[in-house]
């Protein structure tokens, strides 16, 4: 009598990929947390799909991994778009803030150039009707006479025409207006009547003082400055 001995091979157990489950969970969480877990969900999902593909059918959960990758990707894209939407106004604000600093720096350079002119001309201020040309040799760039808001519009500063002949004769130089923001290409010298109707910095006029400093002054404080020493 022949006896056949057969050996029964155990059937491999198919398991669900833990990474696929983790990817799905992280992807869902990412949708409600502005993408906080989206990167991990995306990585886990991709690793899970690769592992499932190489498992020869021993791992399942492909649908879970794909869903996790999709949720994570959507959340990540939404986060990027939201960040861009937030950053664009901030960048515009920073650009405007930088432009508001330039006129003040320009005014200070003009005051320094006028002071240098005075030093070489026995303390006398440059002629009120031709001061821009007189101080040009003392400027690094004559564009400082223009506004950064429109460099091609022409001169944006005027000189106070109520000043004495010599700079040292001004008794309160820190409060006395030397040069000031004006309408483009207005007369080179004058008083508050030459101020633009709308300040270039939107809220403040740029004023340069006889002591060499420059600052932004609100329209309400213009009359408090010394225009006639």
N, C-alpha and C. Protein backbone atom coordinates (compact mmCIF):
# COMPACT_ATOMS: atom_id res chain seq x y z
N UNK A 1 0.86 -1.19 0.00
CA UNK A 1 0.00 0.00 0.00
C UNK A 1 0.89 1.23 0.00
N UNK A 2 0.57 2.11 -0.95
CA UNK A 2 1.36 3.35 -1.04
C UNK A 2 0.69 4.46 -0.22
N UNK A 3 1.47 5.08 0.55
CA UNK A 3 0.95 6.19 1.38
C UNK A 3 1.57 7.48 0.89
N UNK A 4 0.69 8.48 0.53
CA UNK A 4 1.17 9.80 0.07
C UNK A 4 1.19 10.76 1.25
N UNK A 5 2.32 11.27 1.46
CA UNK A 5 2.45 12.26 2.54
C UNK A 5 2.51 13.66 1.89
N UNK A 6 1.50 14.42 2.12
CA UNK A 6 1.45 15.79 1.57
C UNK A 6 1.62 16.80 2.68
N UNK A 7 2.39 17.77 2.39
CA UNK A 7 2.64 18.83 3.36
C UNK A 7 1.84 20.07 2.97
N UNK A 8 1.03 20.55 3.87
CA UNK A 8 0.21 21.74 3.60
C UNK A 8 1.01 23.00 3.92
N UNK A 9 1.17 23.85 2.90
CA UNK A 9 1.90 25.11 3.08
C UNK A 9 0.97 26.16 3.69
N UNK A 10 1.40 26.89 4.70
CA UNK A 10 0.55 27.94 5.29
C UNK A 10 0.30 29.06 4.30
N UNK A 11 -0.92 29.54 4.26
CA UNK A 11 -1.28 30.64 3.36
C UNK A 11 -0.80 31.96 3.96
N UNK A 12 0.02 32.68 3.20
CA UNK A 12 0.51 33.96 3.73
C UNK A 12 -0.66 34.90 4.06
N UNK A 13 -0.55 35.57 5.19
CA UNK A 13 -1.60 36.49 5.63
C UNK A 13 -1.37 37.87 5.03
N UNK A 14 -2.40 38.37 4.37
CA UNK A 14 -2.32 39.70 3.77
C UNK A 14 -2.63 40.74 4.84
N UNK A 15 -1.75 41.71 4.96
CA UNK A 15 -1.91 42.75 5.98
C UNK A 15 -2.11 44.12 5.32
N UNK A 16 -2.78 44.96 6.07
CA UNK A 16 -2.94 46.35 5.62
C UNK A 16 -1.73 47.17 6.05
N UNK A 17 -1.19 47.90 5.13
CA UNK A 17 0.00 48.71 5.41
C UNK A 17 -0.28 49.74 6.50
N UNK A 18 0.55 49.68 7.53
CA UNK A 18 0.41 50.67 8.60
C UNK A 18 0.73 52.08 8.12
N UNK A 19 1.69 52.18 7.18
CA UNK A 19 2.02 53.49 6.64
C UNK A 19 0.88 54.08 5.82
N UNK A 20 0.12 53.20 5.14
CA UNK A 20 -1.03 53.67 4.37
C UNK A 20 -2.09 54.25 5.31
N UNK A 21 -2.31 53.53 6.42
CA UNK A 21 -3.29 54.02 7.41
C UNK A 21 -2.81 55.35 8.00
N UNK A 22 -1.50 55.41 8.33
CA UNK A 22 -0.95 56.64 8.90
C UNK A 22 -1.05 57.80 7.92
N UNK A 23 -0.82 57.51 6.65
CA UNK A 23 -0.90 58.54 5.63
C UNK A 23 -2.31 59.10 5.54
N UNK A 24 -3.30 58.20 5.58
CA UNK A 24 -4.69 58.65 5.51
C UNK A 24 -5.04 59.52 6.72
N UNK A 25 -4.64 59.08 7.89
CA UNK A 25 -4.95 59.84 9.12
C UNK A 25 -4.28 61.21 9.08
N UNK A 26 -3.00 61.23 8.71
CA UNK A 26 -2.27 62.50 8.66
C UNK A 26 -2.83 63.43 7.58
N UNK A 27 -3.26 62.83 6.46
CA UNK A 27 -3.86 63.65 5.39
C UNK A 27 -5.16 64.30 5.83
N UNK A 28 -5.98 63.54 6.57
CA UNK A 28 -7.25 64.09 7.06
C UNK A 28 -6.98 65.18 8.10
N UNK A 29 -6.03 64.91 9.00
CA UNK A 29 -5.67 65.92 10.02
C UNK A 29 -5.17 67.19 9.34
N UNK A 30 -4.38 67.01 8.27
CA UNK A 30 -3.81 68.17 7.58
C UNK A 30 -4.88 69.08 7.02
N UNK A 31 -6.01 68.50 6.59
CA UNK A 31 -7.08 69.30 6.02
C UNK A 31 -7.69 70.25 7.04
N UNK A 32 -7.58 69.89 8.32
CA UNK A 32 -8.20 70.70 9.38
C UNK A 32 -7.18 71.47 10.21
N UNK A 33 -5.90 71.39 9.84
CA UNK A 33 -4.87 72.07 10.63
C UNK A 33 -3.95 72.91 9.74
N UNK A 34 -4.48 73.38 8.62
CA UNK A 34 -3.71 74.22 7.69
C UNK A 34 -2.42 73.54 7.24
N UNK A 35 -2.50 72.22 7.02
CA UNK A 35 -1.36 71.51 6.45
C UNK A 35 -0.25 71.17 7.41
N UNK A 36 -0.53 71.16 8.72
CA UNK A 36 0.54 70.89 9.69
C UNK A 36 1.15 69.51 9.51
N UNK A 37 0.34 68.53 9.10
CA UNK A 37 0.84 67.16 8.97
C UNK A 37 0.90 66.71 7.51
N UNK A 38 0.75 67.65 6.59
CA UNK A 38 0.66 67.27 5.18
C UNK A 38 1.95 66.65 4.64
N UNK A 39 3.11 67.17 5.07
CA UNK A 39 4.37 66.65 4.55
C UNK A 39 4.57 65.20 4.98
N UNK A 40 4.32 64.91 6.26
CA UNK A 40 4.45 63.52 6.74
C UNK A 40 3.44 62.62 6.05
N UNK A 41 2.22 63.10 5.89
CA UNK A 41 1.19 62.31 5.22
C UNK A 41 1.58 61.98 3.80
N UNK A 42 2.18 62.93 3.12
CA UNK A 42 2.62 62.73 1.75
C UNK A 42 3.75 61.71 1.68
N UNK A 43 4.73 61.85 2.58
CA UNK A 43 5.87 60.94 2.60
C UNK A 43 5.42 59.52 2.94
N UNK A 44 4.61 59.39 3.99
CA UNK A 44 4.14 58.06 4.39
C UNK A 44 3.33 57.40 3.30
N UNK A 45 2.51 58.20 2.61
CA UNK A 45 1.68 57.65 1.54
C UNK A 45 2.52 57.13 0.38
N UNK A 46 3.54 57.86 0.01
CA UNK A 46 4.41 57.44 -1.10
C UNK A 46 5.18 56.18 -0.72
N UNK A 47 5.73 56.16 0.51
CA UNK A 47 6.45 54.96 0.96
C UNK A 47 5.52 53.76 1.00
N UNK A 48 4.28 53.98 1.47
CA UNK A 48 3.31 52.89 1.54
C UNK A 48 3.00 52.33 0.15
N UNK A 49 2.82 53.21 -0.83
CA UNK A 49 2.52 52.75 -2.19
C UNK A 49 3.68 51.95 -2.77
N UNK A 50 4.90 52.38 -2.50
CA UNK A 50 6.07 51.65 -2.99
C UNK A 50 6.14 50.28 -2.33
N UNK A 51 5.92 50.24 -1.00
CA UNK A 51 5.98 48.98 -0.26
C UNK A 51 4.90 48.02 -0.70
N UNK A 52 3.71 48.53 -0.92
CA UNK A 52 2.60 47.67 -1.38
C UNK A 52 2.91 47.10 -2.75
N UNK A 53 3.49 47.92 -3.62
CA UNK A 53 3.82 47.46 -4.96
C UNK A 53 4.87 46.36 -4.96
N UNK A 54 5.78 46.37 -3.98
CA UNK A 54 6.85 45.38 -3.91
C UNK A 54 6.51 44.17 -3.05
N UNK A 55 5.32 44.16 -2.44
CA UNK A 55 4.99 43.11 -1.46
C UNK A 55 4.44 41.84 -2.08
N UNK A 56 4.28 41.83 -3.38
CA UNK A 56 3.72 40.65 -4.07
C UNK A 56 2.38 40.24 -3.49
N UNK A 57 1.56 41.22 -3.17
CA UNK A 57 0.22 40.96 -2.69
C UNK A 57 0.10 40.72 -1.21
N UNK A 58 1.21 40.81 -0.47
CA UNK A 58 1.16 40.57 0.97
C UNK A 58 0.73 41.81 1.75
N UNK A 59 0.76 42.96 1.10
CA UNK A 59 0.30 44.19 1.74
C UNK A 59 -0.84 44.77 0.94
N UNK A 60 -1.82 45.29 1.65
CA UNK A 60 -2.91 46.00 1.00
C UNK A 60 -3.05 47.39 1.62
N UNK A 61 -3.94 48.14 1.07
CA UNK A 61 -4.13 49.50 1.57
C UNK A 61 -3.76 50.56 0.56
N UNK A 62 -3.69 50.13 -0.70
CA UNK A 62 -3.31 51.08 -1.74
C UNK A 62 -4.28 52.26 -1.80
N UNK A 63 -5.57 51.98 -1.67
CA UNK A 63 -6.57 53.05 -1.73
C UNK A 63 -6.40 54.01 -0.56
N UNK A 64 -6.06 53.43 0.61
CA UNK A 64 -5.85 54.28 1.78
C UNK A 64 -4.65 55.22 1.56
N UNK A 65 -3.58 54.65 1.00
CA UNK A 65 -2.37 55.45 0.76
C UNK A 65 -2.63 56.54 -0.26
N UNK A 66 -3.35 56.19 -1.34
CA UNK A 66 -3.65 57.19 -2.37
C UNK A 66 -4.49 58.32 -1.80
N UNK A 67 -5.49 57.95 -0.99
CA UNK A 67 -6.34 58.97 -0.36
C UNK A 67 -5.52 59.87 0.56
N UNK A 68 -4.59 59.26 1.32
CA UNK A 68 -3.73 60.04 2.21
C UNK A 68 -2.85 60.99 1.44
N UNK A 69 -2.28 60.51 0.31
CA UNK A 69 -1.43 61.36 -0.52
C UNK A 69 -2.23 62.52 -1.09
N UNK A 70 -3.44 62.23 -1.58
CA UNK A 70 -4.28 63.27 -2.18
C UNK A 70 -4.66 64.32 -1.14
N UNK A 71 -5.11 63.86 0.04
CA UNK A 71 -5.50 64.80 1.10
C UNK A 71 -4.31 65.66 1.53
N UNK A 72 -3.16 65.01 1.69
CA UNK A 72 -1.96 65.76 2.09
C UNK A 72 -1.55 66.76 1.02
N UNK A 73 -1.60 66.33 -0.25
CA UNK A 73 -1.23 67.22 -1.34
C UNK A 73 -2.15 68.42 -1.45
N UNK A 74 -3.47 68.17 -1.32
CA UNK A 74 -4.43 69.27 -1.38
C UNK A 74 -4.20 70.25 -0.24
N UNK A 75 -3.98 69.70 0.95
CA UNK A 75 -3.74 70.56 2.11
C UNK A 75 -2.45 71.37 1.94
N UNK A 76 -1.40 70.73 1.41
CA UNK A 76 -0.14 71.44 1.21
C UNK A 76 -0.29 72.56 0.19
N UNK A 77 -1.00 72.27 -0.91
CA UNK A 77 -1.23 73.28 -1.94
C UNK A 77 -2.04 74.45 -1.39
N UNK A 78 -3.07 74.12 -0.61
CA UNK A 78 -3.89 75.18 -0.01
C UNK A 78 -3.06 76.05 0.93
N UNK A 79 -2.18 75.42 1.70
CA UNK A 79 -1.33 76.16 2.64
C UNK A 79 -0.38 77.10 1.89
N UNK A 80 0.19 76.59 0.78
CA UNK A 80 1.10 77.42 -0.02
C UNK A 80 0.37 78.62 -0.60
N UNK A 81 -0.83 78.38 -1.16
CA UNK A 81 -1.61 79.47 -1.75
C UNK A 81 -2.03 80.48 -0.69
N UNK A 82 -2.40 79.97 0.49
CA UNK A 82 -2.78 80.87 1.58
C UNK A 82 -1.60 81.73 2.03
N UNK A 83 -0.42 81.10 2.10
CA UNK A 83 0.78 81.84 2.50
C UNK A 83 1.11 82.93 1.50
N UNK A 84 0.97 82.61 0.20
CA UNK A 84 1.23 83.60 -0.84
C UNK A 84 0.24 84.76 -0.73
N UNK A 85 -1.03 84.41 -0.49
CA UNK A 85 -2.06 85.45 -0.37
C UNK A 85 -1.79 86.37 0.81
N UNK A 86 -1.22 85.82 1.88
CA UNK A 86 -0.89 86.63 3.06
C UNK A 86 0.36 87.46 2.82
N UNK A 87 1.33 86.87 2.11
CA UNK A 87 2.62 87.54 1.93
C UNK A 87 2.57 88.70 0.94
N UNK A 88 1.72 88.59 -0.08
CA UNK A 88 1.69 89.63 -1.11
C UNK A 88 1.36 91.01 -0.52
N UNK A 89 0.27 91.13 0.29
CA UNK A 89 0.02 92.45 0.90
C UNK A 89 1.16 92.90 1.81
N UNK A 90 1.77 91.93 2.51
CA UNK A 90 2.88 92.29 3.40
C UNK A 90 4.07 92.82 2.61
N UNK A 91 4.34 92.20 1.45
CA UNK A 91 5.44 92.67 0.61
C UNK A 91 5.17 94.06 0.05
N UNK A 92 3.89 94.28 -0.34
CA UNK A 92 3.53 95.61 -0.82
C UNK A 92 3.70 96.65 0.29
N UNK A 93 3.30 96.25 1.52
CA UNK A 93 3.44 97.15 2.66
C UNK A 93 4.90 97.47 2.94
N UNK A 94 5.75 96.44 2.85
CA UNK A 94 7.18 96.66 3.08
C UNK A 94 7.78 97.56 2.02
N UNK A 95 7.34 97.37 0.78
CA UNK A 95 7.85 98.22 -0.31
C UNK A 95 7.43 99.67 -0.10
N UNK A 96 6.16 99.88 0.31
CA UNK A 96 5.70 101.24 0.56
C UNK A 96 6.44 101.87 1.73
N UNK A 97 6.69 101.05 2.77
CA UNK A 97 7.42 101.57 3.94
C UNK A 97 8.83 101.98 3.55
N UNK A 98 9.47 101.17 2.68
CA UNK A 98 10.82 101.50 2.23
C UNK A 98 10.81 102.80 1.42
N UNK A 99 9.79 102.97 0.60
CA UNK A 99 9.71 104.19 -0.20
C UNK A 99 9.51 105.42 0.68
N UNK A 100 8.83 105.25 1.81
CA UNK A 100 8.60 106.38 2.70
C UNK A 100 9.88 106.78 3.44
N UNK A 101 10.83 105.87 3.54
CA UNK A 101 12.10 106.19 4.19
C UNK A 101 13.01 106.98 3.25
N UNK A 102 12.93 106.68 1.96
CA UNK A 102 13.82 107.32 0.97
C UNK A 102 13.68 108.84 0.95
N UNK A 103 12.46 109.41 0.92
CA UNK A 103 12.36 110.88 0.89
C UNK A 103 13.04 111.53 2.10
N UNK A 104 12.91 110.92 3.26
CA UNK A 104 13.55 111.47 4.46
C UNK A 104 15.07 111.43 4.33
N UNK A 105 15.59 110.33 3.82
CA UNK A 105 17.04 110.24 3.60
C UNK A 105 17.50 111.26 2.55
N UNK A 106 16.68 111.42 1.50
CA UNK A 106 17.03 112.40 0.47
C UNK A 106 17.09 113.81 1.05
N UNK A 107 16.09 114.15 1.88
CA UNK A 107 16.05 115.48 2.49
C UNK A 107 17.28 115.71 3.36
N UNK A 108 17.69 114.67 4.07
CA UNK A 108 18.88 114.81 4.93
C UNK A 108 20.13 115.03 4.07
N UNK A 109 20.24 114.31 2.95
CA UNK A 109 21.39 114.51 2.06
C UNK A 109 21.42 115.93 1.49
N UNK A 110 20.23 116.47 1.18
CA UNK A 110 20.16 117.83 0.65
C UNK A 110 20.62 118.83 1.72
N UNK A 111 20.18 118.60 2.96
CA UNK A 111 20.60 119.50 4.05
C UNK A 111 22.11 119.46 4.25
N UNK A 112 22.68 118.26 4.18
CA UNK A 112 24.14 118.12 4.33
C UNK A 112 24.86 118.82 3.18
N UNK A 113 24.32 118.71 1.97
CA UNK A 113 24.94 119.37 0.81
C UNK A 113 24.87 120.88 0.96
N UNK A 114 23.75 121.40 1.48
CA UNK A 114 23.63 122.85 1.69
C UNK A 114 24.65 123.30 2.73
N UNK A 115 24.80 122.50 3.80
CA UNK A 115 25.78 122.82 4.84
C UNK A 115 27.20 122.84 4.26
N UNK A 116 27.50 121.88 3.39
CA UNK A 116 28.82 121.84 2.75
C UNK A 116 29.03 123.07 1.86
N UNK A 117 27.98 123.46 1.16
CA UNK A 117 28.07 124.68 0.34
C UNK A 117 28.38 125.89 1.23
N UNK A 118 27.68 125.98 2.36
CA UNK A 118 27.89 127.10 3.28
C UNK A 118 29.33 127.12 3.80
N UNK A 119 29.88 125.95 4.10
CA UNK A 119 31.24 125.87 4.62
C UNK A 119 32.25 126.44 3.62
N UNK A 120 31.96 126.31 2.34
CA UNK A 120 32.90 126.78 1.32
C UNK A 120 32.57 128.17 0.79
N UNK A 121 31.50 128.77 1.36
CA UNK A 121 31.10 130.09 0.87
C UNK A 121 30.86 131.06 2.03
N UNK A 122 31.78 131.01 2.97
CA UNK A 122 31.76 131.95 4.09
C UNK A 122 30.44 131.90 4.87
N UNK A 123 29.85 130.72 4.95
CA UNK A 123 28.63 130.54 5.73
C UNK A 123 27.36 130.95 5.02
N UNK A 124 27.46 131.51 3.82
CA UNK A 124 26.27 131.97 3.11
C UNK A 124 25.48 130.79 2.53
N UNK A 125 24.19 130.88 2.64
CA UNK A 125 23.30 129.88 2.04
C UNK A 125 23.31 130.02 0.52
N UNK A 126 23.03 128.96 -0.22
CA UNK A 126 22.97 129.08 -1.69
C UNK A 126 21.82 129.98 -2.10
N UNK A 127 21.89 130.59 -3.27
CA UNK A 127 20.81 131.47 -3.74
C UNK A 127 19.48 130.73 -3.76
N UNK A 128 18.45 131.39 -3.24
CA UNK A 128 17.15 130.73 -3.12
C UNK A 128 16.55 130.33 -4.47
N UNK A 129 16.89 131.09 -5.51
CA UNK A 129 16.29 130.80 -6.82
C UNK A 129 17.10 129.79 -7.64
N UNK A 130 18.31 129.43 -7.17
CA UNK A 130 19.12 128.49 -7.94
C UNK A 130 19.87 127.50 -7.02
N UNK A 131 19.34 127.28 -5.85
CA UNK A 131 20.03 126.39 -4.90
C UNK A 131 20.22 124.97 -5.42
N UNK A 132 19.28 124.39 -6.20
CA UNK A 132 19.51 123.02 -6.68
C UNK A 132 20.80 122.89 -7.49
N UNK A 133 21.03 123.86 -8.39
CA UNK A 133 22.25 123.82 -9.20
C UNK A 133 23.48 124.10 -8.35
N UNK A 134 23.32 124.98 -7.35
CA UNK A 134 24.46 125.35 -6.52
C UNK A 134 24.97 124.19 -5.67
N UNK A 135 24.07 123.32 -5.22
CA UNK A 135 24.50 122.23 -4.33
C UNK A 135 24.75 120.92 -5.07
N UNK A 136 24.48 120.88 -6.36
CA UNK A 136 24.66 119.64 -7.13
C UNK A 136 26.07 119.06 -6.97
N UNK A 137 27.14 119.87 -6.97
CA UNK A 137 28.49 119.30 -6.79
C UNK A 137 28.67 118.60 -5.45
N UNK A 138 27.81 118.88 -4.48
CA UNK A 138 27.95 118.29 -3.15
C UNK A 138 27.04 117.07 -2.96
N UNK A 139 26.30 116.71 -4.00
CA UNK A 139 25.41 115.56 -3.94
C UNK A 139 26.05 114.36 -4.62
N UNK A 140 25.85 113.19 -4.05
CA UNK A 140 26.35 111.97 -4.68
C UNK A 140 25.55 111.65 -5.94
N UNK A 141 24.28 112.03 -5.93
CA UNK A 141 23.39 111.75 -7.05
C UNK A 141 22.30 112.80 -7.05
N UNK A 142 22.10 113.48 -8.17
CA UNK A 142 21.10 114.53 -8.19
C UNK A 142 19.67 113.99 -8.15
N UNK A 143 19.51 112.66 -8.19
CA UNK A 143 18.18 112.06 -8.07
C UNK A 143 17.59 112.24 -6.68
N UNK A 144 18.43 112.62 -5.71
CA UNK A 144 17.90 112.86 -4.36
C UNK A 144 16.97 114.06 -4.35
N UNK A 145 17.05 114.89 -5.39
CA UNK A 145 16.15 116.03 -5.48
C UNK A 145 14.76 115.63 -5.96
N UNK A 146 14.62 114.38 -6.37
CA UNK A 146 13.34 113.88 -6.89
C UNK A 146 12.65 113.00 -5.86
N UNK A 147 11.41 112.70 -6.14
CA UNK A 147 10.65 111.83 -5.25
C UNK A 147 10.79 110.38 -5.70
N UNK A 148 10.95 109.42 -4.77
CA UNK A 148 11.04 108.02 -5.17
C UNK A 148 9.73 107.49 -5.75
N UNK A 149 8.65 108.22 -5.52
CA UNK A 149 7.36 107.80 -6.06
C UNK A 149 7.25 108.08 -7.55
N UNK A 150 8.05 109.03 -8.04
CA UNK A 150 8.04 109.34 -9.47
C UNK A 150 9.34 110.08 -9.80
N UNK A 151 10.37 109.32 -10.15
CA UNK A 151 11.69 109.90 -10.39
C UNK A 151 11.73 110.81 -11.61
N UNK A 152 10.78 110.64 -12.50
CA UNK A 152 10.78 111.43 -13.74
C UNK A 152 9.91 112.68 -13.64
N UNK A 153 9.29 112.89 -12.49
CA UNK A 153 8.36 114.02 -12.37
C UNK A 153 9.07 115.34 -12.13
N UNK A 154 10.36 115.29 -11.78
CA UNK A 154 11.11 116.53 -11.54
C UNK A 154 11.41 116.76 -10.07
N UNK A 155 11.94 117.93 -9.77
CA UNK A 155 12.34 118.29 -8.41
C UNK A 155 11.15 118.22 -7.46
N UNK A 156 11.41 117.64 -6.26
CA UNK A 156 10.33 117.43 -5.30
C UNK A 156 10.58 118.16 -3.98
N UNK A 157 11.60 119.04 -3.95
CA UNK A 157 11.92 119.78 -2.73
C UNK A 157 12.10 121.26 -3.06
N UNK A 158 11.73 122.10 -2.11
CA UNK A 158 11.93 123.54 -2.23
C UNK A 158 12.67 124.04 -1.00
N UNK A 159 13.28 125.19 -1.13
CA UNK A 159 14.04 125.80 -0.03
C UNK A 159 13.21 126.92 0.60
N UNK A 160 13.30 127.02 1.91
CA UNK A 160 12.61 128.09 2.64
C UNK A 160 13.21 129.45 2.24
N UNK A 161 12.37 130.36 1.74
CA UNK A 161 12.88 131.64 1.26
C UNK A 161 12.87 132.73 2.33
N UNK A 162 12.60 132.37 3.57
CA UNK A 162 12.58 133.35 4.66
C UNK A 162 13.84 133.26 5.53
N UNK A 163 14.82 132.54 5.08
CA UNK A 163 16.03 132.33 5.88
C UNK A 163 16.96 133.53 5.78
N UNK A 164 17.81 133.74 6.78
CA UNK A 164 18.80 134.82 6.69
C UNK A 164 19.88 134.47 5.68
N UNK A 165 20.80 135.38 5.48
CA UNK A 165 21.83 135.16 4.47
C UNK A 165 22.77 134.02 4.85
N UNK A 166 23.08 133.91 6.13
CA UNK A 166 24.04 132.91 6.57
C UNK A 166 23.38 131.86 7.48
N UNK A 167 23.84 130.62 7.33
CA UNK A 167 23.27 129.51 8.09
C UNK A 167 23.47 129.69 9.58
N UNK A 168 24.63 130.22 10.00
CA UNK A 168 24.92 130.35 11.42
C UNK A 168 24.09 131.44 12.11
N UNK A 169 23.39 132.26 11.32
CA UNK A 169 22.55 133.31 11.90
C UNK A 169 21.18 132.79 12.34
N UNK A 170 20.90 131.52 12.06
CA UNK A 170 19.62 130.94 12.48
C UNK A 170 19.72 130.55 13.95
N UNK A 171 18.83 131.09 14.78
CA UNK A 171 18.92 130.90 16.22
C UNK A 171 18.43 129.52 16.68
N UNK A 172 17.43 128.96 16.03
CA UNK A 172 16.90 127.65 16.44
C UNK A 172 16.94 126.71 15.23
N UNK A 173 18.14 126.28 14.85
CA UNK A 173 18.27 125.48 13.63
C UNK A 173 17.51 124.15 13.67
N UNK A 174 17.36 123.57 14.87
CA UNK A 174 16.69 122.27 14.96
C UNK A 174 15.20 122.36 14.67
N UNK A 175 14.63 123.58 14.76
CA UNK A 175 13.20 123.76 14.51
C UNK A 175 12.90 124.63 13.30
N UNK A 176 13.95 125.10 12.63
CA UNK A 176 13.77 126.00 11.49
C UNK A 176 13.82 125.22 10.18
N UNK A 177 12.81 125.44 9.36
CA UNK A 177 12.71 124.73 8.08
C UNK A 177 13.78 125.23 7.13
N UNK A 178 14.56 124.30 6.58
CA UNK A 178 15.56 124.63 5.57
C UNK A 178 15.05 124.26 4.18
N UNK A 179 14.67 123.00 4.02
CA UNK A 179 14.06 122.56 2.75
C UNK A 179 12.82 121.72 3.11
N UNK A 180 11.94 121.57 2.14
CA UNK A 180 10.70 120.85 2.43
C UNK A 180 10.14 120.23 1.16
N UNK A 181 9.33 119.24 1.34
CA UNK A 181 8.65 118.57 0.23
C UNK A 181 7.71 119.56 -0.45
N UNK A 182 7.71 119.56 -1.77
CA UNK A 182 6.87 120.51 -2.50
C UNK A 182 6.23 119.84 -3.71
N UNK A 183 5.34 120.55 -4.35
CA UNK A 183 4.76 120.06 -5.61
C UNK A 183 5.89 119.92 -6.64
N UNK A 184 5.77 118.93 -7.51
CA UNK A 184 6.81 118.70 -8.52
C UNK A 184 7.05 119.96 -9.35
N UNK A 185 8.36 120.32 -9.44
CA UNK A 185 8.78 121.44 -10.28
C UNK A 185 8.10 122.76 -9.92
N UNK A 186 7.75 122.93 -8.65
CA UNK A 186 7.24 124.21 -8.20
C UNK A 186 8.42 125.18 -8.12
N UNK A 187 8.20 126.47 -7.82
CA UNK A 187 9.33 127.39 -7.67
C UNK A 187 10.36 126.81 -6.70
N UNK A 188 11.63 127.07 -6.92
CA UNK A 188 12.67 126.45 -6.10
C UNK A 188 12.67 126.89 -4.64
N UNK A 189 12.03 128.02 -4.33
CA UNK A 189 11.97 128.47 -2.95
C UNK A 189 10.62 129.10 -2.66
N UNK A 190 10.28 129.10 -1.39
CA UNK A 190 8.99 129.65 -0.98
C UNK A 190 8.68 129.23 0.45
N UNK A 191 7.39 129.12 0.74
CA UNK A 191 6.96 128.74 2.07
C UNK A 191 5.95 127.61 2.04
N UNK A 192 5.14 127.50 3.09
CA UNK A 192 4.18 126.39 3.19
C UNK A 192 3.21 126.30 2.02
N UNK A 193 3.04 127.41 1.30
CA UNK A 193 2.12 127.39 0.16
C UNK A 193 2.57 126.44 -0.94
N UNK A 194 3.85 126.06 -0.93
CA UNK A 194 4.37 125.16 -1.97
C UNK A 194 4.23 123.68 -1.58
N UNK A 195 3.81 123.43 -0.35
CA UNK A 195 3.61 122.04 0.06
C UNK A 195 2.56 121.37 -0.82
N UNK A 196 2.74 120.11 -1.18
CA UNK A 196 1.73 119.42 -1.99
C UNK A 196 0.44 119.26 -1.22
N UNK A 197 -0.67 119.24 -1.93
CA UNK A 197 -1.97 119.07 -1.27
C UNK A 197 -2.02 117.74 -0.53
N UNK A 198 -1.40 116.72 -1.10
CA UNK A 198 -1.34 115.40 -0.48
C UNK A 198 0.11 115.05 -0.23
N UNK A 199 0.52 114.81 1.02
CA UNK A 199 1.92 114.44 1.29
C UNK A 199 2.34 113.23 0.49
N UNK A 200 3.61 113.22 0.04
CA UNK A 200 4.11 112.08 -0.72
C UNK A 200 4.06 110.80 0.08
N UNK A 201 4.28 110.90 1.38
CA UNK A 201 4.21 109.73 2.26
C UNK A 201 2.81 109.43 2.75
N UNK A 202 1.80 110.07 2.15
CA UNK A 202 0.38 109.85 2.43
C UNK A 202 -0.09 110.50 3.74
N UNK A 203 0.74 110.45 4.77
CA UNK A 203 0.31 110.98 6.07
C UNK A 203 1.22 112.08 6.60
N UNK A 204 2.44 112.20 6.07
CA UNK A 204 3.41 113.14 6.60
C UNK A 204 4.15 113.87 5.48
N UNK A 205 4.52 115.12 5.77
CA UNK A 205 5.40 115.86 4.88
C UNK A 205 6.85 115.63 5.32
N UNK A 206 7.75 115.59 4.36
CA UNK A 206 9.18 115.46 4.67
C UNK A 206 9.79 116.85 4.77
N UNK A 207 10.39 117.13 5.91
CA UNK A 207 10.96 118.45 6.17
C UNK A 207 12.44 118.29 6.54
N UNK A 208 13.30 119.10 5.95
CA UNK A 208 14.71 119.14 6.33
C UNK A 208 14.98 120.41 7.12
N UNK A 209 15.69 120.30 8.22
CA UNK A 209 15.88 121.43 9.13
C UNK A 209 17.30 121.99 9.02
N UNK A 210 17.45 123.20 9.55
CA UNK A 210 18.71 123.93 9.40
C UNK A 210 19.87 123.30 10.14
N UNK A 211 19.58 122.41 11.09
CA UNK A 211 20.69 121.73 11.79
C UNK A 211 21.16 120.49 11.05
N UNK A 212 20.51 120.17 9.90
CA UNK A 212 20.94 119.04 9.08
C UNK A 212 20.09 117.80 9.20
N UNK A 213 19.17 117.74 10.15
CA UNK A 213 18.36 116.54 10.28
C UNK A 213 17.08 116.69 9.46
N UNK A 214 16.43 115.58 9.19
CA UNK A 214 15.17 115.58 8.44
C UNK A 214 14.19 114.67 9.17
N UNK A 215 12.93 115.01 9.05
CA UNK A 215 11.91 114.18 9.70
C UNK A 215 10.58 114.31 8.96
N UNK A 216 9.67 113.39 9.32
CA UNK A 216 8.33 113.43 8.76
C UNK A 216 7.43 114.21 9.71
N UNK A 217 6.71 115.17 9.17
CA UNK A 217 5.87 116.05 9.98
C UNK A 217 4.43 115.94 9.49
N UNK A 218 3.51 115.77 10.43
CA UNK A 218 2.10 115.68 10.05
C UNK A 218 1.59 117.04 9.61
N UNK A 219 0.59 117.08 8.74
CA UNK A 219 0.03 118.36 8.29
C UNK A 219 -0.42 119.26 9.44
N UNK A 220 -0.88 118.67 10.53
CA UNK A 220 -1.35 119.46 11.67
C UNK A 220 -0.21 120.19 12.38
N UNK A 221 1.02 119.71 12.21
CA UNK A 221 2.15 120.31 12.92
C UNK A 221 2.98 121.26 12.05
N UNK A 222 2.59 121.40 10.80
CA UNK A 222 3.37 122.26 9.89
C UNK A 222 3.47 123.69 10.42
N UNK A 223 2.37 124.22 10.93
CA UNK A 223 2.36 125.62 11.41
C UNK A 223 3.17 125.80 12.69
N UNK A 224 3.52 124.70 13.35
CA UNK A 224 4.31 124.80 14.57
C UNK A 224 5.81 124.90 14.29
N UNK A 225 6.20 124.72 13.04
CA UNK A 225 7.61 124.84 12.68
C UNK A 225 7.99 126.30 12.47
N UNK A 226 9.27 126.57 12.55
CA UNK A 226 9.76 127.94 12.34
C UNK A 226 10.05 128.13 10.85
N UNK A 227 9.25 128.95 10.22
CA UNK A 227 9.43 129.25 8.81
C UNK A 227 10.13 130.60 8.61
N UNK A 228 9.93 131.49 9.58
CA UNK A 228 10.57 132.80 9.52
C UNK A 228 11.42 132.99 10.77
N UNK A 229 12.73 132.73 10.69
CA UNK A 229 13.60 132.84 11.88
C UNK A 229 13.62 134.27 12.43
